[in-house]
Amino acid sequence: MTAHLLAREAVELVGDGSRAILGIAGCPGAGKSTLVDLLVTRIRAAEGEDWVAHVPMDGFHLADAQLDRIGARGRKGAPDTFDAAGYAHLLERVKREVDEPVYVPGFDRTLEQPLAAALVVLPSVRLVVTEGNYLLLDDPAWARARHAMDAVWFVERDESERIARLVARHIEFGKTPDEARAWVETTDQRNAELVAATAGKADRVISAR
């Protein structure tokens, strides 16, 4: 399906007088953010700049201070290194509080840290697009977040290409090539296997190219 048709399908999630949330799930490096950027750009061109907003799950990474406290910095990116309850609560607020701005945390990939109130969902927004690895995970905290979404699409990509993209990303943001490959082969791959098992729960599976 073309990007134009996917954008149209996303817009159709919005009912009369309502606000819809579309989730984009997939393994690390599959192209979730690329798809979100494409959808948001096309929808803004068709519907207006403030008709659609992006709410990334990455804003709910635990900061390094908390990861150090629980001894999990070496597993950064695993399901329990996110504030899943906070993410679910934020999505519920976005769905419910349609008359006030809702401020949303972002994530700085250079710092590798979440940033409070970096983004905003304005009252004019009718569609929110959120993306992350664990939107379909069979866990009570993540299931609560899924319940707030109107649909979840899963992005898949050729495994060798996905891994190459992931290694390149880690290098771009400061790891050496050896460090990047080691991280991908251990931490990222464990997470990817967990995420891949959830694809069957998606409303649509999209093959990235």
N, C-alpha and C. Protein backbone atom coordinates (compact mmCIF):
# COMPACT_ATOMS: atom_id res chain seq x y z
N MET A 1 0.85 -1.19 0.00
CA MET A 1 0.00 0.00 0.00
C MET A 1 0.88 1.24 0.00
N THR A 2 0.52 2.24 -0.80
CA THR A 2 1.32 3.45 -0.91
C THR A 2 1.18 4.32 0.33
N ALA A 3 2.14 5.25 0.48
CA ALA A 3 2.09 6.18 1.61
C ALA A 3 0.82 7.02 1.56
N HIS A 4 0.40 7.38 0.36
CA HIS A 4 -0.82 8.18 0.21
C HIS A 4 -2.03 7.43 0.76
N LEU A 5 -2.15 6.15 0.44
CA LEU A 5 -3.29 5.37 0.91
C LEU A 5 -3.21 5.10 2.41
N LEU A 6 -2.00 4.90 2.92
CA LEU A 6 -1.84 4.71 4.37
C LEU A 6 -2.23 5.97 5.12
N ALA A 7 -1.84 7.12 4.60
CA ALA A 7 -2.21 8.39 5.24
C ALA A 7 -3.73 8.56 5.22
N ARG A 8 -4.35 8.21 4.11
CA ARG A 8 -5.81 8.33 4.02
C ARG A 8 -6.48 7.40 5.03
N GLU A 9 -5.96 6.17 5.16
CA GLU A 9 -6.54 5.22 6.12
C GLU A 9 -6.38 5.73 7.55
N ALA A 10 -5.24 6.36 7.83
CA ALA A 10 -5.02 6.92 9.16
C ALA A 10 -6.04 8.02 9.46
N VAL A 11 -6.27 8.89 8.49
CA VAL A 11 -7.23 9.99 8.66
C VAL A 11 -8.63 9.44 8.92
N GLU A 12 -8.95 8.33 8.28
CA GLU A 12 -10.29 7.75 8.42
C GLU A 12 -10.55 7.17 9.81
N LEU A 13 -9.50 7.04 10.64
CA LEU A 13 -9.70 6.58 12.02
C LEU A 13 -10.45 7.62 12.85
N VAL A 14 -10.40 8.86 12.42
CA VAL A 14 -11.01 9.96 13.17
C VAL A 14 -12.51 10.00 12.88
N GLY A 15 -13.30 9.89 13.94
CA GLY A 15 -14.75 10.00 13.78
C GLY A 15 -15.22 11.43 14.01
N ASP A 16 -16.48 11.66 13.85
CA ASP A 16 -17.05 13.00 14.04
C ASP A 16 -16.86 13.45 15.49
N GLY A 17 -16.17 14.56 15.64
CA GLY A 17 -16.01 15.15 16.97
C GLY A 17 -15.08 14.41 17.90
N SER A 18 -14.34 13.42 17.41
CA SER A 18 -13.48 12.63 18.28
C SER A 18 -12.02 12.88 17.96
N ARG A 19 -11.15 12.35 18.81
CA ARG A 19 -9.71 12.34 18.55
C ARG A 19 -9.28 10.88 18.54
N ALA A 20 -8.52 10.50 17.54
CA ALA A 20 -8.08 9.11 17.40
C ALA A 20 -6.58 9.01 17.66
N ILE A 21 -6.16 7.82 18.09
CA ILE A 21 -4.74 7.54 18.29
C ILE A 21 -4.36 6.33 17.45
N LEU A 22 -3.36 6.51 16.59
CA LEU A 22 -2.82 5.42 15.77
C LEU A 22 -1.45 5.05 16.32
N GLY A 23 -1.26 3.77 16.64
CA GLY A 23 0.03 3.28 17.09
C GLY A 23 0.81 2.64 15.96
N ILE A 24 2.11 2.88 15.94
CA ILE A 24 3.01 2.25 14.98
C ILE A 24 4.03 1.43 15.77
N ALA A 25 3.95 0.11 15.67
CA ALA A 25 4.85 -0.79 16.40
C ALA A 25 5.83 -1.44 15.44
N GLY A 26 6.84 -2.10 16.01
CA GLY A 26 7.81 -2.80 15.18
C GLY A 26 9.11 -2.97 15.93
N CYS A 27 9.96 -3.83 15.42
CA CYS A 27 11.25 -4.11 16.06
C CYS A 27 12.17 -2.90 15.94
N PRO A 28 13.18 -2.81 16.80
CA PRO A 28 14.16 -1.73 16.67
C PRO A 28 14.79 -1.74 15.28
N GLY A 29 14.83 -0.58 14.63
CA GLY A 29 15.43 -0.47 13.31
C GLY A 29 14.53 -0.82 12.16
N ALA A 30 13.27 -1.15 12.43
CA ALA A 30 12.36 -1.56 11.35
C ALA A 30 11.91 -0.39 10.48
N GLY A 31 11.93 0.82 11.03
CA GLY A 31 11.49 1.98 10.26
C GLY A 31 10.23 2.63 10.79
N LYS A 32 9.96 2.47 12.08
CA LYS A 32 8.75 3.06 12.68
C LYS A 32 8.75 4.58 12.55
N SER A 33 9.86 5.20 12.95
CA SER A 33 9.93 6.66 12.92
C SER A 33 9.86 7.19 11.50
N THR A 34 10.46 6.47 10.56
CA THR A 34 10.40 6.87 9.16
C THR A 34 8.96 6.88 8.67
N LEU A 35 8.21 5.84 9.01
CA LEU A 35 6.80 5.78 8.60
C LEU A 35 6.00 6.89 9.27
N VAL A 36 6.24 7.13 10.56
CA VAL A 36 5.52 8.19 11.27
C VAL A 36 5.78 9.54 10.61
N ASP A 37 7.05 9.83 10.32
CA ASP A 37 7.39 11.11 9.68
C ASP A 37 6.67 11.26 8.35
N LEU A 38 6.62 10.18 7.58
CA LEU A 38 5.96 10.21 6.27
C LEU A 38 4.46 10.45 6.43
N LEU A 39 3.84 9.71 7.35
CA LEU A 39 2.40 9.88 7.57
C LEU A 39 2.06 11.29 8.05
N VAL A 40 2.80 11.76 9.03
CA VAL A 40 2.52 13.09 9.60
C VAL A 40 2.70 14.18 8.55
N THR A 41 3.75 14.07 7.74
CA THR A 41 3.98 15.06 6.69
C THR A 41 2.84 15.08 5.69
N ARG A 42 2.41 13.91 5.25
CA ARG A 42 1.33 13.85 4.26
C ARG A 42 0.00 14.32 4.85
N ILE A 43 -0.27 13.94 6.08
CA ILE A 43 -1.53 14.34 6.70
C ILE A 43 -1.56 15.85 6.95
N ARG A 44 -0.43 16.40 7.38
CA ARG A 44 -0.39 17.86 7.58
C ARG A 44 -0.60 18.61 6.27
N ALA A 45 -0.04 18.08 5.20
CA ALA A 45 -0.23 18.73 3.90
C ALA A 45 -1.69 18.71 3.47
N ALA A 46 -2.39 17.64 3.83
CA ALA A 46 -3.79 17.50 3.41
C ALA A 46 -4.78 18.14 4.36
N GLU A 47 -4.50 18.07 5.67
CA GLU A 47 -5.49 18.47 6.68
C GLU A 47 -5.12 19.72 7.46
N GLY A 48 -3.85 20.10 7.44
CA GLY A 48 -3.40 21.26 8.21
C GLY A 48 -2.35 20.89 9.23
N GLU A 49 -1.48 21.84 9.53
CA GLU A 49 -0.32 21.62 10.40
C GLU A 49 -0.71 21.09 11.78
N ASP A 50 -1.78 21.62 12.35
CA ASP A 50 -2.14 21.27 13.73
C ASP A 50 -3.29 20.27 13.81
N TRP A 51 -3.50 19.52 12.74
CA TRP A 51 -4.55 18.50 12.73
C TRP A 51 -4.03 17.17 13.26
N VAL A 52 -2.72 16.95 13.17
CA VAL A 52 -2.10 15.69 13.57
C VAL A 52 -0.89 15.99 14.44
N ALA A 53 -0.62 15.12 15.42
CA ALA A 53 0.52 15.29 16.31
C ALA A 53 1.22 13.95 16.51
N HIS A 54 2.49 14.03 16.87
CA HIS A 54 3.33 12.85 17.09
C HIS A 54 3.64 12.74 18.58
N VAL A 55 3.37 11.58 19.16
CA VAL A 55 3.68 11.31 20.57
C VAL A 55 4.57 10.06 20.62
N PRO A 56 5.89 10.21 20.77
CA PRO A 56 6.78 9.04 20.76
C PRO A 56 6.81 8.32 22.10
N MET A 57 6.80 7.00 22.05
CA MET A 57 6.97 6.20 23.27
C MET A 57 8.34 6.44 23.88
N ASP A 58 9.33 6.82 23.06
CA ASP A 58 10.69 7.01 23.56
C ASP A 58 10.78 8.09 24.63
N GLY A 59 9.79 9.01 24.67
CA GLY A 59 9.79 10.01 25.73
C GLY A 59 9.61 9.41 27.11
N PHE A 60 9.24 8.13 27.16
CA PHE A 60 9.01 7.47 28.44
C PHE A 60 10.13 6.50 28.80
N HIS A 61 11.29 6.61 28.12
CA HIS A 61 12.50 5.96 28.61
C HIS A 61 12.76 6.41 30.04
N LEU A 62 13.15 5.51 30.90
CA LEU A 62 13.67 5.93 32.20
C LEU A 62 15.01 6.65 31.99
N ALA A 63 15.22 7.74 32.70
CA ALA A 63 16.49 8.45 32.62
C ALA A 63 17.61 7.57 33.18
N ASP A 64 18.85 7.86 32.78
CA ASP A 64 19.97 7.04 33.22
C ASP A 64 20.08 6.96 34.74
N ALA A 65 19.71 8.04 35.43
CA ALA A 65 19.77 8.01 36.90
C ALA A 65 18.88 6.91 37.46
N GLN A 66 17.72 6.72 36.87
CA GLN A 66 16.81 5.66 37.33
C GLN A 66 17.29 4.28 36.88
N LEU A 67 17.85 4.21 35.67
CA LEU A 67 18.39 2.93 35.20
C LEU A 67 19.54 2.48 36.09
N ASP A 68 20.38 3.43 36.50
CA ASP A 68 21.47 3.09 37.41
C ASP A 68 20.93 2.63 38.77
N ARG A 69 19.87 3.27 39.22
CA ARG A 69 19.29 2.92 40.51
C ARG A 69 18.80 1.47 40.53
N ILE A 70 18.22 1.02 39.40
CA ILE A 70 17.68 -0.34 39.36
C ILE A 70 18.63 -1.32 38.67
N GLY A 71 19.83 -0.84 38.31
CA GLY A 71 20.83 -1.70 37.70
C GLY A 71 20.48 -2.17 36.31
N ALA A 72 19.86 -1.29 35.51
CA ALA A 72 19.36 -1.71 34.20
C ALA A 72 19.93 -0.91 33.04
N ARG A 73 20.98 -0.11 33.26
CA ARG A 73 21.48 0.70 32.15
C ARG A 73 21.99 -0.17 31.00
N GLY A 74 22.54 -1.32 31.33
CA GLY A 74 23.04 -2.23 30.29
C GLY A 74 21.93 -2.89 29.49
N ARG A 75 20.67 -2.71 29.92
CA ARG A 75 19.53 -3.26 29.18
C ARG A 75 18.63 -2.14 28.65
N LYS A 76 19.16 -0.94 28.55
CA LYS A 76 18.36 0.21 28.13
C LYS A 76 17.63 -0.09 26.82
N GLY A 77 16.32 0.11 26.84
CA GLY A 77 15.50 -0.22 25.67
C GLY A 77 14.63 -1.44 25.89
N ALA A 78 14.89 -2.22 26.96
CA ALA A 78 14.04 -3.36 27.30
C ALA A 78 12.70 -2.85 27.84
N PRO A 79 11.66 -3.68 27.84
CA PRO A 79 10.34 -3.20 28.26
C PRO A 79 10.31 -2.56 29.64
N ASP A 80 11.07 -3.13 30.60
CA ASP A 80 11.01 -2.60 31.96
C ASP A 80 11.89 -1.37 32.17
N THR A 81 12.51 -0.86 31.10
CA THR A 81 13.29 0.37 31.20
C THR A 81 12.50 1.57 30.68
N PHE A 82 11.20 1.38 30.53
CA PHE A 82 10.28 2.46 30.18
C PHE A 82 9.26 2.64 31.29
N ASP A 83 8.71 3.83 31.38
CA ASP A 83 7.59 4.10 32.28
C ASP A 83 6.30 3.78 31.52
N ALA A 84 5.97 2.50 31.46
CA ALA A 84 4.81 2.06 30.68
C ALA A 84 3.51 2.64 31.23
N ALA A 85 3.39 2.71 32.55
CA ALA A 85 2.17 3.26 33.16
C ALA A 85 2.04 4.74 32.83
N GLY A 86 3.15 5.46 32.85
CA GLY A 86 3.12 6.87 32.50
C GLY A 86 2.73 7.09 31.05
N TYR A 87 3.23 6.23 30.18
CA TYR A 87 2.88 6.31 28.76
C TYR A 87 1.39 6.06 28.56
N ALA A 88 0.86 5.02 29.21
CA ALA A 88 -0.57 4.72 29.09
C ALA A 88 -1.41 5.88 29.62
N HIS A 89 -1.01 6.43 30.75
CA HIS A 89 -1.75 7.55 31.33
C HIS A 89 -1.75 8.76 30.39
N LEU A 90 -0.61 9.02 29.77
CA LEU A 90 -0.52 10.14 28.84
C LEU A 90 -1.45 9.94 27.65
N LEU A 91 -1.49 8.73 27.08
CA LEU A 91 -2.39 8.46 25.96
C LEU A 91 -3.84 8.63 26.37
N GLU A 92 -4.17 8.20 27.58
CA GLU A 92 -5.54 8.38 28.08
C GLU A 92 -5.87 9.87 28.22
N ARG A 93 -4.93 10.65 28.70
CA ARG A 93 -5.13 12.11 28.79
C ARG A 93 -5.33 12.71 27.41
N VAL A 94 -4.49 12.31 26.47
CA VAL A 94 -4.59 12.83 25.11
C VAL A 94 -5.97 12.55 24.52
N LYS A 95 -6.49 11.38 24.80
CA LYS A 95 -7.80 10.98 24.29
C LYS A 95 -8.93 11.75 24.99
N ARG A 96 -8.75 12.03 26.27
CA ARG A 96 -9.82 12.60 27.09
C ARG A 96 -9.79 14.13 27.12
N GLU A 97 -8.61 14.71 27.24
CA GLU A 97 -8.48 16.16 27.45
C GLU A 97 -8.30 16.88 26.11
N VAL A 98 -9.39 17.00 25.39
CA VAL A 98 -9.32 17.53 24.02
C VAL A 98 -9.46 19.04 23.96
N ASP A 99 -9.74 19.69 25.07
CA ASP A 99 -9.96 21.14 25.06
C ASP A 99 -8.78 21.93 25.60
N GLU A 100 -7.73 21.23 26.04
CA GLU A 100 -6.55 21.89 26.60
C GLU A 100 -5.29 21.31 25.95
N PRO A 101 -4.22 22.11 25.85
CA PRO A 101 -2.95 21.54 25.38
C PRO A 101 -2.46 20.45 26.34
N VAL A 102 -1.97 19.37 25.78
CA VAL A 102 -1.38 18.30 26.58
C VAL A 102 0.10 18.22 26.23
N TYR A 103 0.96 18.48 27.20
CA TYR A 103 2.40 18.47 26.95
C TYR A 103 2.94 17.05 27.05
N VAL A 104 3.89 16.75 26.19
CA VAL A 104 4.34 15.37 25.97
C VAL A 104 5.86 15.33 26.02
N PRO A 105 6.46 14.33 26.69
CA PRO A 105 7.91 14.23 26.68
C PRO A 105 8.44 13.75 25.34
N GLY A 106 9.63 14.23 24.99
CA GLY A 106 10.33 13.75 23.80
C GLY A 106 11.58 13.00 24.22
N PHE A 107 12.44 12.70 23.25
CA PHE A 107 13.67 11.96 23.53
C PHE A 107 14.79 12.54 22.69
N ASP A 108 15.90 12.89 23.34
CA ASP A 108 17.07 13.44 22.65
C ASP A 108 18.05 12.31 22.39
N ARG A 109 18.21 11.95 21.13
CA ARG A 109 19.07 10.81 20.81
C ARG A 109 20.55 11.13 20.99
N THR A 110 20.91 12.40 20.96
CA THR A 110 22.30 12.77 21.21
C THR A 110 22.64 12.56 22.69
N LEU A 111 21.74 13.02 23.55
CA LEU A 111 21.92 12.83 25.00
C LEU A 111 21.50 11.43 25.45
N GLU A 112 20.66 10.77 24.63
CA GLU A 112 20.06 9.49 25.00
C GLU A 112 19.25 9.61 26.28
N GLN A 113 18.50 10.73 26.38
CA GLN A 113 17.70 11.01 27.57
C GLN A 113 16.33 11.55 27.18
N PRO A 114 15.29 11.24 27.99
CA PRO A 114 13.97 11.84 27.76
C PRO A 114 14.00 13.32 28.12
N LEU A 115 13.12 14.08 27.47
CA LEU A 115 13.01 15.52 27.71
C LEU A 115 11.56 15.85 28.05
N ALA A 116 11.32 16.34 29.25
CA ALA A 116 9.96 16.64 29.69
C ALA A 116 9.35 17.77 28.86
N ALA A 117 8.06 17.62 28.53
CA ALA A 117 7.28 18.67 27.87
C ALA A 117 7.95 19.20 26.61
N ALA A 118 8.63 18.33 25.87
CA ALA A 118 9.29 18.75 24.63
C ALA A 118 8.31 18.92 23.48
N LEU A 119 7.15 18.28 23.57
CA LEU A 119 6.15 18.29 22.50
C LEU A 119 4.80 18.66 23.09
N VAL A 120 3.85 18.98 22.21
CA VAL A 120 2.51 19.33 22.69
C VAL A 120 1.45 18.82 21.73
N VAL A 121 0.34 18.36 22.30
CA VAL A 121 -0.85 18.02 21.52
C VAL A 121 -1.85 19.15 21.74
N LEU A 122 -2.08 19.94 20.70
CA LEU A 122 -2.97 21.10 20.79
C LEU A 122 -4.43 20.68 20.70
N PRO A 123 -5.35 21.52 21.17
CA PRO A 123 -6.78 21.17 21.08
C PRO A 123 -7.26 20.93 19.66
N SER A 124 -6.59 21.52 18.68
CA SER A 124 -7.00 21.35 17.28
C SER A 124 -6.67 19.98 16.72
N VAL A 125 -5.82 19.22 17.41
CA VAL A 125 -5.36 17.92 16.89
C VAL A 125 -6.49 16.90 16.92
N ARG A 126 -6.69 16.25 15.78
CA ARG A 126 -7.71 15.21 15.68
C ARG A 126 -7.10 13.81 15.65
N LEU A 127 -5.86 13.71 15.18
CA LEU A 127 -5.19 12.41 15.09
C LEU A 127 -3.83 12.50 15.76
N VAL A 128 -3.57 11.56 16.66
CA VAL A 128 -2.26 11.44 17.30
C VAL A 128 -1.62 10.15 16.80
N VAL A 129 -0.37 10.25 16.35
CA VAL A 129 0.38 9.08 15.92
C VAL A 129 1.47 8.83 16.94
N THR A 130 1.49 7.63 17.50
CA THR A 130 2.50 7.28 18.49
C THR A 130 3.23 6.03 18.03
N GLU A 131 4.53 5.96 18.31
CA GLU A 131 5.26 4.78 17.85
C GLU A 131 6.19 4.27 18.93
N GLY A 132 6.42 2.94 18.91
CA GLY A 132 7.31 2.33 19.87
C GLY A 132 7.35 0.82 19.68
N ASN A 133 8.30 0.20 20.33
CA ASN A 133 8.49 -1.24 20.17
C ASN A 133 7.36 -2.06 20.79
N TYR A 134 6.86 -1.64 21.94
CA TYR A 134 6.10 -2.54 22.80
C TYR A 134 4.60 -2.28 22.84
N LEU A 135 4.06 -1.66 21.83
CA LEU A 135 2.64 -1.29 21.84
C LEU A 135 1.71 -2.49 21.89
N LEU A 136 2.19 -3.65 21.45
CA LEU A 136 1.35 -4.85 21.40
C LEU A 136 1.78 -5.92 22.40
N LEU A 137 2.66 -5.54 23.31
CA LEU A 137 3.20 -6.51 24.27
C LEU A 137 2.11 -7.02 25.21
N ASP A 138 2.14 -8.32 25.48
CA ASP A 138 1.16 -8.96 26.36
C ASP A 138 1.57 -8.78 27.81
N ASP A 139 1.34 -7.57 28.31
CA ASP A 139 1.71 -7.21 29.67
C ASP A 139 0.69 -6.17 30.14
N PRO A 140 0.22 -6.25 31.39
CA PRO A 140 -0.86 -5.35 31.82
C PRO A 140 -0.58 -3.86 31.59
N ALA A 141 0.64 -3.42 31.88
CA ALA A 141 0.95 -1.99 31.73
C ALA A 141 0.89 -1.58 30.26
N TRP A 142 1.46 -2.40 29.39
CA TRP A 142 1.45 -2.07 27.96
C TRP A 142 0.06 -2.29 27.37
N ALA A 143 -0.69 -3.25 27.88
CA ALA A 143 -2.05 -3.47 27.38
C ALA A 143 -2.94 -2.26 27.66
N ARG A 144 -2.69 -1.59 28.76
CA ARG A 144 -3.45 -0.37 29.06
C ARG A 144 -3.19 0.70 28.01
N ALA A 145 -1.94 0.83 27.59
CA ALA A 145 -1.61 1.79 26.53
C ALA A 145 -2.29 1.39 25.23
N ARG A 146 -2.24 0.10 24.91
CA ARG A 146 -2.88 -0.38 23.67
C ARG A 146 -4.37 -0.09 23.67
N HIS A 147 -4.99 -0.18 24.82
CA HIS A 147 -6.43 0.05 24.91
C HIS A 147 -6.80 1.49 24.55
N ALA A 148 -5.87 2.41 24.74
CA ALA A 148 -6.13 3.82 24.41
C ALA A 148 -6.01 4.10 22.92
N MET A 149 -5.45 3.16 22.17
CA MET A 149 -5.23 3.37 20.73
C MET A 149 -6.40 2.82 19.92
N ASP A 150 -6.72 3.51 18.84
CA ASP A 150 -7.80 3.06 17.96
C ASP A 150 -7.34 1.97 17.00
N ALA A 151 -6.07 1.97 16.66
CA ALA A 151 -5.50 0.94 15.78
C ALA A 151 -4.00 0.92 15.99
N VAL A 152 -3.39 -0.24 15.74
CA VAL A 152 -1.93 -0.36 15.78
C VAL A 152 -1.47 -1.04 14.49
N TRP A 153 -0.53 -0.41 13.81
CA TRP A 153 0.09 -0.99 12.63
C TRP A 153 1.49 -1.46 13.00
N PHE A 154 1.91 -2.57 12.42
CA PHE A 154 3.22 -3.15 12.72
C PHE A 154 4.10 -3.04 11.48
N VAL A 155 5.29 -2.48 11.65
CA VAL A 155 6.25 -2.33 10.55
C VAL A 155 7.25 -3.47 10.60
N GLU A 156 7.41 -4.17 9.48
CA GLU A 156 8.42 -5.22 9.40
C GLU A 156 9.41 -4.89 8.29
N ARG A 157 10.62 -5.43 8.40
CA ARG A 157 11.67 -5.16 7.43
C ARG A 157 12.58 -6.38 7.35
N ASP A 158 13.22 -6.57 6.20
CA ASP A 158 14.20 -7.63 6.04
C ASP A 158 15.18 -7.60 7.21
N GLU A 159 15.43 -8.76 7.82
CA GLU A 159 16.19 -8.82 9.05
C GLU A 159 17.61 -8.28 8.90
N SER A 160 18.30 -8.64 7.83
CA SER A 160 19.67 -8.16 7.66
C SER A 160 19.69 -6.64 7.47
N GLU A 161 18.72 -6.12 6.75
CA GLU A 161 18.64 -4.67 6.55
C GLU A 161 18.31 -3.96 7.87
N ARG A 162 17.40 -4.55 8.63
CA ARG A 162 17.03 -3.96 9.92
C ARG A 162 18.23 -3.87 10.84
N ILE A 163 19.01 -4.93 10.91
CA ILE A 163 20.18 -4.96 11.79
C ILE A 163 21.22 -3.94 11.31
N ALA A 164 21.44 -3.85 10.00
CA ALA A 164 22.40 -2.89 9.46
C ALA A 164 21.99 -1.46 9.80
N ARG A 165 20.70 -1.17 9.68
CA ARG A 165 20.19 0.16 10.02
C ARG A 165 20.41 0.47 11.50
N LEU A 166 20.20 -0.52 12.32
CA LEU A 166 20.33 -0.34 13.76
C LEU A 166 21.78 -0.10 14.16
N VAL A 167 22.70 -0.87 13.58
CA VAL A 167 24.13 -0.66 13.85
C VAL A 167 24.53 0.75 13.44
N ALA A 168 24.10 1.17 12.25
CA ALA A 168 24.44 2.51 11.75
C ALA A 168 23.90 3.59 12.67
N ARG A 169 22.71 3.39 13.21
CA ARG A 169 22.13 4.38 14.12
C ARG A 169 22.96 4.51 15.39
N HIS A 170 23.37 3.38 15.96
CA HIS A 170 24.17 3.43 17.18
C HIS A 170 25.51 4.12 16.93
N ILE A 171 26.11 3.87 15.77
CA ILE A 171 27.37 4.54 15.43
C ILE A 171 27.15 6.04 15.29
N GLU A 172 26.06 6.42 14.64
CA GLU A 172 25.74 7.84 14.45
C GLU A 172 25.65 8.58 15.77
N PHE A 173 25.14 7.90 16.79
CA PHE A 173 24.93 8.57 18.07
C PHE A 173 26.00 8.22 19.11
N GLY A 174 27.20 7.82 18.64
CA GLY A 174 28.34 7.81 19.53
C GLY A 174 29.03 6.50 19.83
N LYS A 175 28.42 5.36 19.49
CA LYS A 175 29.08 4.09 19.76
C LYS A 175 30.13 3.80 18.68
N THR A 176 31.19 3.07 19.05
CA THR A 176 32.13 2.60 18.05
C THR A 176 31.46 1.48 17.25
N PRO A 177 31.98 1.14 16.06
CA PRO A 177 31.38 0.04 15.31
C PRO A 177 31.30 -1.26 16.11
N ASP A 178 32.34 -1.58 16.87
CA ASP A 178 32.32 -2.81 17.66
C ASP A 178 31.28 -2.73 18.77
N GLU A 179 31.21 -1.58 19.44
CA GLU A 179 30.20 -1.40 20.49
C GLU A 179 28.79 -1.50 19.92
N ALA A 180 28.60 -0.89 18.76
CA ALA A 180 27.27 -0.90 18.13
C ALA A 180 26.84 -2.32 17.78
N ARG A 181 27.74 -3.08 17.17
CA ARG A 181 27.39 -4.46 16.80
C ARG A 181 27.12 -5.32 18.03
N ALA A 182 27.93 -5.13 19.08
CA ALA A 182 27.74 -5.92 20.31
C ALA A 182 26.39 -5.59 20.95
N TRP A 183 26.03 -4.32 20.96
CA TRP A 183 24.75 -3.92 21.56
C TRP A 183 23.58 -4.49 20.75
N VAL A 184 23.68 -4.42 19.44
CA VAL A 184 22.61 -4.93 18.57
C VAL A 184 22.45 -6.43 18.73
N GLU A 185 23.57 -7.15 18.81
CA GLU A 185 23.52 -8.61 18.87
C GLU A 185 23.03 -9.12 20.23
N THR A 186 23.08 -8.30 21.25
CA THR A 186 22.65 -8.74 22.58
C THR A 186 21.35 -8.04 22.99
N THR A 187 21.48 -6.84 23.51
CA THR A 187 20.31 -6.12 24.04
C THR A 187 19.23 -5.91 22.99
N ASP A 188 19.59 -5.33 21.85
CA ASP A 188 18.58 -5.03 20.83
C ASP A 188 17.93 -6.29 20.28
N GLN A 189 18.73 -7.34 20.08
CA GLN A 189 18.17 -8.54 19.48
C GLN A 189 17.20 -9.25 20.42
N ARG A 190 17.49 -9.25 21.71
CA ARG A 190 16.54 -9.82 22.67
C ARG A 190 15.21 -9.07 22.62
N ASN A 191 15.30 -7.75 22.54
CA ASN A 191 14.08 -6.95 22.46
C ASN A 191 13.35 -7.19 21.14
N ALA A 192 14.10 -7.32 20.06
CA ALA A 192 13.50 -7.53 18.74
C ALA A 192 12.72 -8.84 18.69
N GLU A 193 13.26 -9.89 19.29
CA GLU A 193 12.57 -11.18 19.30
C GLU A 193 11.26 -11.08 20.07
N LEU A 194 11.27 -10.34 21.15
CA LEU A 194 10.06 -10.13 21.95
C LEU A 194 9.00 -9.38 21.14
N VAL A 195 9.44 -8.34 20.44
CA VAL A 195 8.52 -7.51 19.65
C VAL A 195 7.98 -8.27 18.45
N ALA A 196 8.84 -9.01 17.76
CA ALA A 196 8.42 -9.74 16.56
C ALA A 196 7.28 -10.70 16.87
N ALA A 197 7.27 -11.25 18.07
CA ALA A 197 6.22 -12.20 18.45
C ALA A 197 4.86 -11.55 18.60
N THR A 198 4.81 -10.21 18.62
CA THR A 198 3.53 -9.52 18.80
C THR A 198 2.89 -9.07 17.49
N ALA A 199 3.57 -9.31 16.37
CA ALA A 199 3.08 -8.80 15.08
C ALA A 199 1.67 -9.28 14.75
N GLY A 200 1.35 -10.50 15.16
CA GLY A 200 0.03 -11.06 14.84
C GLY A 200 -1.12 -10.34 15.49
N LYS A 201 -0.85 -9.49 16.48
CA LYS A 201 -1.91 -8.74 17.15
C LYS A 201 -2.21 -7.41 16.48
N ALA A 202 -1.42 -7.06 15.47
CA ALA A 202 -1.58 -5.75 14.82
C ALA A 202 -2.81 -5.72 13.92
N ASP A 203 -3.36 -4.52 13.74
CA ASP A 203 -4.48 -4.34 12.82
C ASP A 203 -4.03 -4.36 11.37
N ARG A 204 -2.77 -4.03 11.14
CA ARG A 204 -2.20 -4.06 9.80
C ARG A 204 -0.70 -4.28 9.93
N VAL A 205 -0.12 -5.09 9.03
CA VAL A 205 1.33 -5.28 8.96
C VAL A 205 1.82 -4.63 7.68
N ILE A 206 2.82 -3.77 7.82
CA ILE A 206 3.36 -3.00 6.70
C ILE A 206 4.80 -3.42 6.47
N SER A 207 5.12 -3.80 5.25
CA SER A 207 6.49 -4.17 4.90
C SER A 207 7.25 -2.92 4.46
N ALA A 208 8.30 -2.55 5.22
CA ALA A 208 9.10 -1.38 4.89
C ALA A 208 10.14 -1.75 3.84
N ARG A 209 10.46 -0.76 3.01
CA ARG A 209 11.47 -0.98 1.97
C ARG A 209 12.48 0.14 2.01
